[in-house]
Amino acid sequence: MRTEQSERLFERAKTLIPGGVNSPVRAFGSVGGTPRFIARGEGAYMWDEDGNRYIDYMLSWGPLILGHAHPEVVEALKQTLERGTSYGAPTTLENELAALVIDTMPAVEMVRFVNSGTEATMSALRLARAYTKRNKIIKFAGCYHGHADLLLVQAGSGVATLGLPDS
């Protein structure tokens, strides 16, 4: 398998980004080797900068249930992007999506949209602590529960486990 481009890109990334990646899980620390720098994706496949093709079992850790660059998703994104990219204010589409989620899942009464799994976890913890009036939470050692400080303890990944330069 060719990895020269990914190796070169990773070396460059380590001079720009702590640990060379923007999320510890991408570092390949627990499996060894060099992280693959992805050039493109289509359907169930991804290609790295060296031209190697992979079946994408991770699907961007969940959100790509239709695969990469699904034509209907791409078209919907194009139409939405033509109206603007980010408003920092409520939109009609938020209401429509919230209603769709609630209608699809009868047990769900309301939704809160967030930008990341970390935000979702922090919101769930905040809600649970307020409802139960308890301050303690359970966290599994060696598991990743988001990028918040209180959840990263013993997560088993990150710059600390990659080692620090000695000079």
N, C-alpha and C. Protein backbone atom coordinates (compact mmCIF):
# COMPACT_ATOMS: atom_id res chain seq x y z
N MET A 1 0.85 -1.18 0.00
CA MET A 1 0.00 0.00 0.00
C MET A 1 0.89 1.24 0.00
N ARG A 2 0.53 2.18 -0.84
CA ARG A 2 1.26 3.45 -0.92
C ARG A 2 0.81 4.37 0.21
N THR A 3 1.78 4.98 0.90
CA THR A 3 1.44 5.91 1.98
C THR A 3 2.33 7.15 1.98
N GLU A 4 3.15 7.31 0.96
CA GLU A 4 4.13 8.40 0.95
C GLU A 4 3.49 9.78 1.11
N GLN A 5 2.39 10.02 0.38
CA GLN A 5 1.74 11.33 0.46
C GLN A 5 1.16 11.57 1.85
N SER A 6 0.49 10.56 2.41
CA SER A 6 -0.06 10.72 3.76
C SER A 6 1.05 10.94 4.77
N GLU A 7 2.16 10.24 4.62
CA GLU A 7 3.29 10.44 5.53
C GLU A 7 3.83 11.86 5.42
N ARG A 8 3.98 12.35 4.20
CA ARG A 8 4.47 13.71 3.99
C ARG A 8 3.49 14.73 4.57
N LEU A 9 2.21 14.53 4.30
CA LEU A 9 1.19 15.45 4.81
C LEU A 9 1.11 15.42 6.33
N PHE A 10 1.29 14.25 6.91
CA PHE A 10 1.25 14.14 8.37
C PHE A 10 2.44 14.86 9.00
N GLU A 11 3.61 14.72 8.40
CA GLU A 11 4.78 15.44 8.92
C GLU A 11 4.54 16.95 8.87
N ARG A 12 3.98 17.43 7.79
CA ARG A 12 3.65 18.86 7.67
C ARG A 12 2.60 19.24 8.70
N ALA A 13 1.57 18.42 8.85
CA ALA A 13 0.49 18.72 9.79
C ALA A 13 1.01 18.82 11.22
N LYS A 14 1.99 18.02 11.57
CA LYS A 14 2.53 18.06 12.93
C LYS A 14 3.23 19.38 13.24
N THR A 15 3.62 20.12 12.20
CA THR A 15 4.22 21.44 12.42
C THR A 15 3.15 22.53 12.52
N LEU A 16 1.93 22.20 12.19
CA LEU A 16 0.85 23.18 12.15
C LEU A 16 -0.26 22.92 13.17
N ILE A 17 -0.50 21.65 13.49
CA ILE A 17 -1.63 21.23 14.31
C ILE A 17 -1.10 20.35 15.45
N PRO A 18 -1.46 20.62 16.70
CA PRO A 18 -0.98 19.77 17.79
C PRO A 18 -1.28 18.29 17.54
N GLY A 19 -0.26 17.46 17.56
CA GLY A 19 -0.43 16.04 17.29
C GLY A 19 -0.61 15.71 15.82
N GLY A 20 -0.72 16.73 14.98
CA GLY A 20 -0.86 16.52 13.54
C GLY A 20 -2.27 16.24 13.07
N VAL A 21 -3.24 16.20 13.98
CA VAL A 21 -4.63 15.93 13.62
C VAL A 21 -5.54 16.82 14.46
N ASN A 22 -6.75 17.06 13.99
CA ASN A 22 -7.69 17.91 14.71
C ASN A 22 -8.62 17.15 15.64
N SER A 23 -8.45 15.86 15.73
CA SER A 23 -9.21 15.05 16.68
C SER A 23 -8.33 13.86 17.04
N PRO A 24 -8.13 13.60 18.33
CA PRO A 24 -7.22 12.54 18.72
C PRO A 24 -7.52 11.18 18.09
N VAL A 25 -8.78 10.89 17.83
CA VAL A 25 -9.13 9.59 17.27
C VAL A 25 -8.55 9.40 15.86
N ARG A 26 -8.22 10.49 15.20
CA ARG A 26 -7.67 10.42 13.84
C ARG A 26 -6.17 10.14 13.81
N ALA A 27 -5.53 10.08 14.96
CA ALA A 27 -4.07 10.01 15.02
C ALA A 27 -3.50 8.63 14.75
N PHE A 28 -4.32 7.60 14.71
CA PHE A 28 -3.86 6.22 14.51
C PHE A 28 -2.99 5.76 15.67
N GLY A 29 -3.01 6.48 16.80
CA GLY A 29 -2.15 6.16 17.93
C GLY A 29 -2.34 4.76 18.46
N SER A 30 -3.57 4.26 18.49
CA SER A 30 -3.82 2.94 19.06
C SER A 30 -3.59 1.81 18.07
N VAL A 31 -3.49 2.13 16.78
CA VAL A 31 -3.30 1.07 15.77
C VAL A 31 -1.96 1.17 15.07
N GLY A 32 -1.23 2.24 15.30
CA GLY A 32 0.07 2.41 14.67
C GLY A 32 -0.06 2.89 13.24
N GLY A 33 1.04 3.32 12.69
CA GLY A 33 1.04 3.79 11.31
C GLY A 33 0.77 5.27 11.21
N THR A 34 0.56 5.70 10.01
CA THR A 34 0.34 7.11 9.70
C THR A 34 -1.13 7.32 9.37
N PRO A 35 -1.75 8.38 9.90
CA PRO A 35 -3.13 8.66 9.50
C PRO A 35 -3.22 8.84 7.99
N ARG A 36 -4.27 8.35 7.40
CA ARG A 36 -4.48 8.50 5.97
C ARG A 36 -5.14 9.85 5.71
N PHE A 37 -4.56 10.62 4.82
CA PHE A 37 -5.13 11.91 4.44
C PHE A 37 -6.07 11.66 3.27
N ILE A 38 -7.34 11.94 3.48
CA ILE A 38 -8.37 11.60 2.51
C ILE A 38 -8.52 12.70 1.48
N ALA A 39 -8.57 12.29 0.22
CA ALA A 39 -8.70 13.23 -0.90
C ALA A 39 -10.16 13.39 -1.33
N ARG A 40 -10.92 12.29 -1.28
CA ARG A 40 -12.32 12.37 -1.73
C ARG A 40 -13.09 11.14 -1.26
N GLY A 41 -14.41 11.24 -1.35
CA GLY A 41 -15.28 10.12 -1.03
C GLY A 41 -16.44 10.07 -2.00
N GLU A 42 -16.91 8.86 -2.25
CA GLU A 42 -18.07 8.66 -3.12
C GLU A 42 -18.76 7.38 -2.69
N GLY A 43 -20.04 7.49 -2.36
CA GLY A 43 -20.78 6.32 -1.90
C GLY A 43 -20.15 5.74 -0.64
N ALA A 44 -19.85 4.45 -0.67
CA ALA A 44 -19.28 3.76 0.49
C ALA A 44 -17.76 3.82 0.52
N TYR A 45 -17.14 4.55 -0.41
CA TYR A 45 -15.69 4.52 -0.54
C TYR A 45 -15.04 5.88 -0.29
N MET A 46 -13.77 5.81 0.15
CA MET A 46 -12.92 6.99 0.29
C MET A 46 -11.60 6.66 -0.40
N TRP A 47 -10.96 7.70 -0.94
CA TRP A 47 -9.63 7.57 -1.54
C TRP A 47 -8.69 8.50 -0.80
N ASP A 48 -7.50 8.00 -0.47
CA ASP A 48 -6.54 8.86 0.20
C ASP A 48 -5.68 9.58 -0.83
N GLU A 49 -4.81 10.45 -0.34
CA GLU A 49 -3.96 11.26 -1.21
C GLU A 49 -2.95 10.42 -1.99
N ASP A 50 -2.79 9.16 -1.60
CA ASP A 50 -1.90 8.25 -2.32
C ASP A 50 -2.65 7.43 -3.37
N GLY A 51 -3.97 7.62 -3.46
CA GLY A 51 -4.76 6.90 -4.44
C GLY A 51 -5.32 5.57 -3.95
N ASN A 52 -5.10 5.21 -2.69
CA ASN A 52 -5.64 3.98 -2.13
C ASN A 52 -7.14 4.15 -1.87
N ARG A 53 -7.91 3.11 -2.20
CA ARG A 53 -9.35 3.14 -1.99
C ARG A 53 -9.69 2.32 -0.75
N TYR A 54 -10.62 2.85 0.06
CA TYR A 54 -11.05 2.19 1.29
C TYR A 54 -12.57 2.11 1.32
N ILE A 55 -13.10 1.05 1.92
CA ILE A 55 -14.51 1.02 2.28
C ILE A 55 -14.63 1.85 3.56
N ASP A 56 -15.54 2.79 3.58
CA ASP A 56 -15.69 3.67 4.74
C ASP A 56 -16.71 3.08 5.71
N TYR A 57 -16.21 2.37 6.69
CA TYR A 57 -17.08 1.79 7.72
C TYR A 57 -17.45 2.81 8.79
N MET A 58 -16.71 3.91 8.90
CA MET A 58 -16.95 4.91 9.95
C MET A 58 -18.03 5.91 9.56
N LEU A 59 -18.13 6.21 8.28
CA LEU A 59 -19.14 7.14 7.78
C LEU A 59 -19.13 8.46 8.55
N SER A 60 -17.92 9.00 8.72
CA SER A 60 -17.71 10.26 9.45
C SER A 60 -18.24 10.17 10.88
N TRP A 61 -18.11 8.99 11.48
CA TRP A 61 -18.55 8.71 12.84
C TRP A 61 -20.06 8.83 12.99
N GLY A 62 -20.80 8.58 11.91
CA GLY A 62 -22.25 8.52 12.02
C GLY A 62 -23.07 9.33 11.04
N PRO A 63 -22.72 10.57 10.74
CA PRO A 63 -23.63 11.40 9.95
C PRO A 63 -23.76 11.02 8.47
N LEU A 64 -22.87 10.22 7.93
CA LEU A 64 -22.93 9.90 6.50
C LEU A 64 -23.66 8.59 6.23
N ILE A 65 -24.85 8.44 6.78
CA ILE A 65 -25.57 7.18 6.61
C ILE A 65 -25.95 6.90 5.16
N LEU A 66 -25.95 7.91 4.32
CA LEU A 66 -26.22 7.72 2.90
C LEU A 66 -24.94 7.62 2.08
N GLY A 67 -23.80 7.64 2.74
CA GLY A 67 -22.52 7.56 2.04
C GLY A 67 -22.03 8.94 1.64
N HIS A 68 -20.88 8.95 0.97
CA HIS A 68 -20.25 10.20 0.54
C HIS A 68 -20.90 10.73 -0.74
N ALA A 69 -21.12 12.02 -0.77
CA ALA A 69 -21.57 12.74 -1.97
C ALA A 69 -22.83 12.13 -2.59
N HIS A 70 -23.78 11.71 -1.75
CA HIS A 70 -25.04 11.18 -2.28
C HIS A 70 -25.69 12.28 -3.11
N PRO A 71 -26.10 11.98 -4.34
CA PRO A 71 -26.60 13.02 -5.26
C PRO A 71 -27.72 13.89 -4.68
N GLU A 72 -28.68 13.30 -3.97
CA GLU A 72 -29.77 14.09 -3.41
C GLU A 72 -29.28 15.02 -2.30
N VAL A 73 -28.33 14.54 -1.51
CA VAL A 73 -27.77 15.37 -0.44
C VAL A 73 -26.97 16.52 -1.04
N VAL A 74 -26.15 16.21 -2.05
CA VAL A 74 -25.36 17.25 -2.71
C VAL A 74 -26.27 18.32 -3.31
N GLU A 75 -27.34 17.91 -3.97
CA GLU A 75 -28.26 18.87 -4.58
C GLU A 75 -28.95 19.73 -3.52
N ALA A 76 -29.39 19.11 -2.43
CA ALA A 76 -30.03 19.87 -1.35
C ALA A 76 -29.05 20.86 -0.73
N LEU A 77 -27.80 20.45 -0.57
CA LEU A 77 -26.78 21.37 -0.04
C LEU A 77 -26.55 22.54 -0.98
N LYS A 78 -26.45 22.26 -2.28
CA LYS A 78 -26.25 23.34 -3.25
C LYS A 78 -27.38 24.37 -3.16
N GLN A 79 -28.62 23.87 -3.14
CA GLN A 79 -29.76 24.78 -3.09
C GLN A 79 -29.75 25.61 -1.81
N THR A 80 -29.39 24.99 -0.70
CA THR A 80 -29.35 25.70 0.57
C THR A 80 -28.21 26.70 0.60
N LEU A 81 -27.04 26.31 0.12
CA LEU A 81 -25.87 27.21 0.12
C LEU A 81 -26.10 28.45 -0.74
N GLU A 82 -26.89 28.31 -1.78
CA GLU A 82 -27.17 29.47 -2.65
C GLU A 82 -27.95 30.55 -1.91
N ARG A 83 -28.62 30.18 -0.80
CA ARG A 83 -29.38 31.15 -0.01
C ARG A 83 -28.55 31.76 1.12
N GLY A 84 -27.33 31.27 1.30
CA GLY A 84 -26.47 31.76 2.37
C GLY A 84 -25.83 30.59 3.10
N THR A 85 -24.79 30.89 3.88
CA THR A 85 -24.05 29.79 4.51
C THR A 85 -24.25 29.68 6.01
N SER A 86 -24.33 30.78 6.72
CA SER A 86 -24.52 30.73 8.17
C SER A 86 -25.07 32.07 8.62
N TYR A 87 -26.15 32.02 9.38
CA TYR A 87 -26.81 33.26 9.77
C TYR A 87 -26.62 33.60 11.24
N GLY A 88 -26.35 32.62 12.08
CA GLY A 88 -26.28 32.89 13.51
C GLY A 88 -27.63 33.30 14.06
N ALA A 89 -28.70 32.87 13.40
CA ALA A 89 -30.07 33.21 13.79
C ALA A 89 -30.98 32.05 13.41
N PRO A 90 -32.17 31.96 14.01
CA PRO A 90 -33.09 30.86 13.67
C PRO A 90 -33.52 30.91 12.21
N THR A 91 -33.87 29.74 11.68
CA THR A 91 -34.35 29.65 10.30
C THR A 91 -35.58 28.75 10.23
N THR A 92 -36.33 28.90 9.16
CA THR A 92 -37.49 28.05 8.91
C THR A 92 -37.07 26.59 8.78
N LEU A 93 -35.92 26.35 8.16
CA LEU A 93 -35.44 24.97 7.99
C LEU A 93 -35.24 24.28 9.34
N GLU A 94 -34.79 25.02 10.36
CA GLU A 94 -34.64 24.44 11.69
C GLU A 94 -35.98 23.92 12.20
N ASN A 95 -37.02 24.73 12.05
CA ASN A 95 -38.35 24.32 12.48
C ASN A 95 -38.81 23.09 11.72
N GLU A 96 -38.59 23.09 10.41
CA GLU A 96 -39.03 21.96 9.59
C GLU A 96 -38.30 20.68 9.98
N LEU A 97 -36.99 20.77 10.21
CA LEU A 97 -36.23 19.59 10.60
C LEU A 97 -36.64 19.12 11.99
N ALA A 98 -36.83 20.06 12.92
CA ALA A 98 -37.26 19.68 14.27
C ALA A 98 -38.60 18.95 14.21
N ALA A 99 -39.54 19.47 13.44
CA ALA A 99 -40.84 18.83 13.31
C ALA A 99 -40.71 17.43 12.70
N LEU A 100 -39.84 17.28 11.71
CA LEU A 100 -39.62 15.98 11.08
C LEU A 100 -39.08 14.97 12.09
N VAL A 101 -38.11 15.38 12.89
CA VAL A 101 -37.55 14.49 13.91
C VAL A 101 -38.63 14.10 14.92
N ILE A 102 -39.38 15.07 15.40
CA ILE A 102 -40.42 14.81 16.40
C ILE A 102 -41.51 13.91 15.82
N ASP A 103 -41.93 14.15 14.59
CA ASP A 103 -42.96 13.33 13.96
C ASP A 103 -42.48 11.90 13.71
N THR A 104 -41.20 11.75 13.45
CA THR A 104 -40.64 10.43 13.15
C THR A 104 -40.41 9.61 14.42
N MET A 105 -40.15 10.29 15.53
CA MET A 105 -39.83 9.61 16.79
C MET A 105 -40.83 10.05 17.85
N PRO A 106 -41.91 9.30 18.04
CA PRO A 106 -42.99 9.71 18.94
C PRO A 106 -42.55 10.02 20.38
N ALA A 107 -41.49 9.40 20.87
CA ALA A 107 -41.04 9.65 22.25
C ALA A 107 -40.35 11.00 22.39
N VAL A 108 -39.96 11.61 21.28
CA VAL A 108 -39.25 12.89 21.32
C VAL A 108 -40.26 14.03 21.30
N GLU A 109 -40.20 14.87 22.34
CA GLU A 109 -41.11 16.00 22.44
C GLU A 109 -40.52 17.28 21.86
N MET A 110 -39.21 17.46 22.05
CA MET A 110 -38.51 18.64 21.55
C MET A 110 -37.09 18.22 21.18
N VAL A 111 -36.44 19.04 20.36
CA VAL A 111 -35.05 18.74 19.98
C VAL A 111 -34.19 19.99 20.17
N ARG A 112 -32.90 19.75 20.31
CA ARG A 112 -31.92 20.83 20.29
C ARG A 112 -30.85 20.41 19.31
N PHE A 113 -30.60 21.23 18.30
CA PHE A 113 -29.56 20.94 17.31
C PHE A 113 -28.24 21.51 17.80
N VAL A 114 -27.19 20.73 17.64
CA VAL A 114 -25.86 21.15 18.04
C VAL A 114 -24.89 20.82 16.91
N ASN A 115 -23.65 21.32 17.04
CA ASN A 115 -22.67 21.17 15.98
C ASN A 115 -21.76 19.96 16.11
N SER A 116 -21.77 19.31 17.27
CA SER A 116 -20.82 18.22 17.47
C SER A 116 -21.34 17.24 18.51
N GLY A 117 -20.72 16.07 18.53
CA GLY A 117 -21.04 15.10 19.56
C GLY A 117 -20.70 15.60 20.95
N THR A 118 -19.62 16.37 21.04
CA THR A 118 -19.25 16.95 22.33
C THR A 118 -20.35 17.86 22.84
N GLU A 119 -20.88 18.72 21.98
CA GLU A 119 -21.97 19.61 22.39
C GLU A 119 -23.20 18.81 22.77
N ALA A 120 -23.49 17.75 22.05
CA ALA A 120 -24.65 16.91 22.37
C ALA A 120 -24.47 16.27 23.75
N THR A 121 -23.28 15.75 24.01
CA THR A 121 -23.01 15.13 25.30
C THR A 121 -23.10 16.15 26.43
N MET A 122 -22.51 17.33 26.23
CA MET A 122 -22.56 18.36 27.26
C MET A 122 -24.00 18.81 27.53
N SER A 123 -24.80 18.94 26.49
CA SER A 123 -26.21 19.32 26.67
C SER A 123 -26.97 18.24 27.42
N ALA A 124 -26.72 16.97 27.07
CA ALA A 124 -27.39 15.86 27.75
C ALA A 124 -26.99 15.80 29.22
N LEU A 125 -25.71 16.02 29.50
CA LEU A 125 -25.26 16.03 30.90
C LEU A 125 -25.89 17.17 31.67
N ARG A 126 -25.92 18.34 31.08
CA ARG A 126 -26.52 19.51 31.74
C ARG A 126 -27.99 19.25 32.05
N LEU A 127 -28.71 18.69 31.10
CA LEU A 127 -30.13 18.38 31.29
C LEU A 127 -30.31 17.33 32.37
N ALA A 128 -29.51 16.26 32.32
CA ALA A 128 -29.64 15.18 33.30
C ALA A 128 -29.31 15.68 34.71
N ARG A 129 -28.29 16.50 34.84
CA ARG A 129 -27.91 17.01 36.16
C ARG A 129 -28.98 17.96 36.70
N ALA A 130 -29.57 18.76 35.85
CA ALA A 130 -30.63 19.67 36.29
C ALA A 130 -31.87 18.88 36.72
N TYR A 131 -32.23 17.88 35.94
CA TYR A 131 -33.43 17.09 36.22
C TYR A 131 -33.28 16.25 37.48
N THR A 132 -32.12 15.60 37.64
CA THR A 132 -31.90 14.70 38.78
C THR A 132 -31.40 15.41 40.02
N LYS A 133 -30.93 16.66 39.87
CA LYS A 133 -30.32 17.42 40.97
C LYS A 133 -29.05 16.74 41.49
N ARG A 134 -28.41 15.94 40.65
CA ARG A 134 -27.16 15.26 41.02
C ARG A 134 -26.00 15.91 40.27
N ASN A 135 -24.83 15.89 40.89
CA ASN A 135 -23.66 16.50 40.28
C ASN A 135 -22.70 15.51 39.65
N LYS A 136 -22.76 14.25 40.06
CA LYS A 136 -21.81 13.26 39.56
C LYS A 136 -22.35 12.60 38.29
N ILE A 137 -21.38 12.20 37.44
CA ILE A 137 -21.73 11.48 36.22
C ILE A 137 -20.89 10.21 36.17
N ILE A 138 -21.30 9.27 35.35
CA ILE A 138 -20.51 8.06 35.11
C ILE A 138 -19.81 8.22 33.77
N LYS A 139 -18.53 7.88 33.77
CA LYS A 139 -17.73 7.93 32.54
C LYS A 139 -16.92 6.65 32.48
N PHE A 140 -16.82 6.06 31.30
CA PHE A 140 -16.08 4.82 31.13
C PHE A 140 -14.62 5.12 30.83
N ALA A 141 -13.70 4.56 31.63
CA ALA A 141 -12.27 4.77 31.44
C ALA A 141 -11.84 4.21 30.09
N GLY A 142 -10.99 4.95 29.40
CA GLY A 142 -10.46 4.50 28.12
C GLY A 142 -11.40 4.74 26.95
N CYS A 143 -12.54 5.37 27.20
CA CYS A 143 -13.52 5.62 26.13
C CYS A 143 -13.62 7.12 25.86
N TYR A 144 -13.99 7.45 24.66
CA TYR A 144 -14.12 8.84 24.25
C TYR A 144 -15.57 9.26 24.37
N HIS A 145 -15.83 10.28 25.18
CA HIS A 145 -17.18 10.79 25.38
C HIS A 145 -17.30 12.24 24.94
N GLY A 146 -16.37 12.72 24.16
CA GLY A 146 -16.40 14.10 23.72
C GLY A 146 -15.14 14.82 24.14
N HIS A 147 -14.99 16.04 23.64
CA HIS A 147 -13.75 16.79 23.80
C HIS A 147 -13.76 17.76 24.98
N ALA A 148 -14.75 17.67 25.84
CA ALA A 148 -14.80 18.53 27.03
C ALA A 148 -13.81 18.02 28.07
N ASP A 149 -13.19 18.93 28.81
CA ASP A 149 -12.16 18.56 29.78
C ASP A 149 -12.61 17.45 30.73
N LEU A 150 -13.80 17.59 31.31
CA LEU A 150 -14.21 16.61 32.30
C LEU A 150 -14.44 15.23 31.69
N LEU A 151 -14.57 15.14 30.38
CA LEU A 151 -14.79 13.85 29.73
C LEU A 151 -13.52 13.25 29.14
N LEU A 152 -12.47 14.03 29.00
CA LEU A 152 -11.24 13.54 28.38
C LEU A 152 -10.34 12.78 29.35
N VAL A 153 -10.64 12.81 30.64
CA VAL A 153 -9.83 12.11 31.62
C VAL A 153 -9.82 10.62 31.29
N GLN A 154 -8.64 10.05 31.14
CA GLN A 154 -8.44 8.64 30.82
C GLN A 154 -9.16 8.22 29.54
N ALA A 155 -9.19 9.11 28.56
CA ALA A 155 -9.84 8.78 27.29
C ALA A 155 -8.95 7.89 26.43
N GLY A 156 -7.66 7.82 26.73
CA GLY A 156 -6.77 6.91 26.01
C GLY A 156 -6.33 7.41 24.66
N SER A 157 -6.45 8.69 24.41
CA SER A 157 -5.99 9.22 23.14
C SER A 157 -5.56 10.66 23.34
N GLY A 158 -4.94 11.21 22.34
CA GLY A 158 -4.54 12.60 22.41
C GLY A 158 -3.05 12.77 22.41
N VAL A 159 -2.63 14.01 22.48
CA VAL A 159 -1.21 14.34 22.41
C VAL A 159 -0.44 13.68 23.54
N ALA A 160 -1.04 13.58 24.73
CA ALA A 160 -0.33 12.99 25.87
C ALA A 160 0.06 11.54 25.59
N THR A 161 -0.77 10.80 24.90
CA THR A 161 -0.46 9.40 24.63
C THR A 161 0.40 9.24 23.39
N LEU A 162 0.53 10.29 22.59
CA LEU A 162 1.42 10.23 21.43
C LEU A 162 2.86 10.47 21.84
N GLY A 163 3.06 11.05 23.00
CA GLY A 163 4.40 11.39 23.45
C GLY A 163 4.73 12.82 23.07
N LEU A 164 5.62 13.41 23.82
CA LEU A 164 6.02 14.79 23.56
C LEU A 164 7.46 14.82 23.07
N PRO A 165 7.79 15.78 22.21
CA PRO A 165 9.18 15.89 21.75
C PRO A 165 10.11 16.10 22.93
N ASP A 166 11.31 15.55 22.85
CA ASP A 166 12.26 15.70 23.96
C ASP A 166 13.28 16.79 23.72
N SER A 167 13.10 17.58 22.68
CA SER A 167 14.02 18.69 22.45
C SER A 167 13.26 19.89 21.94
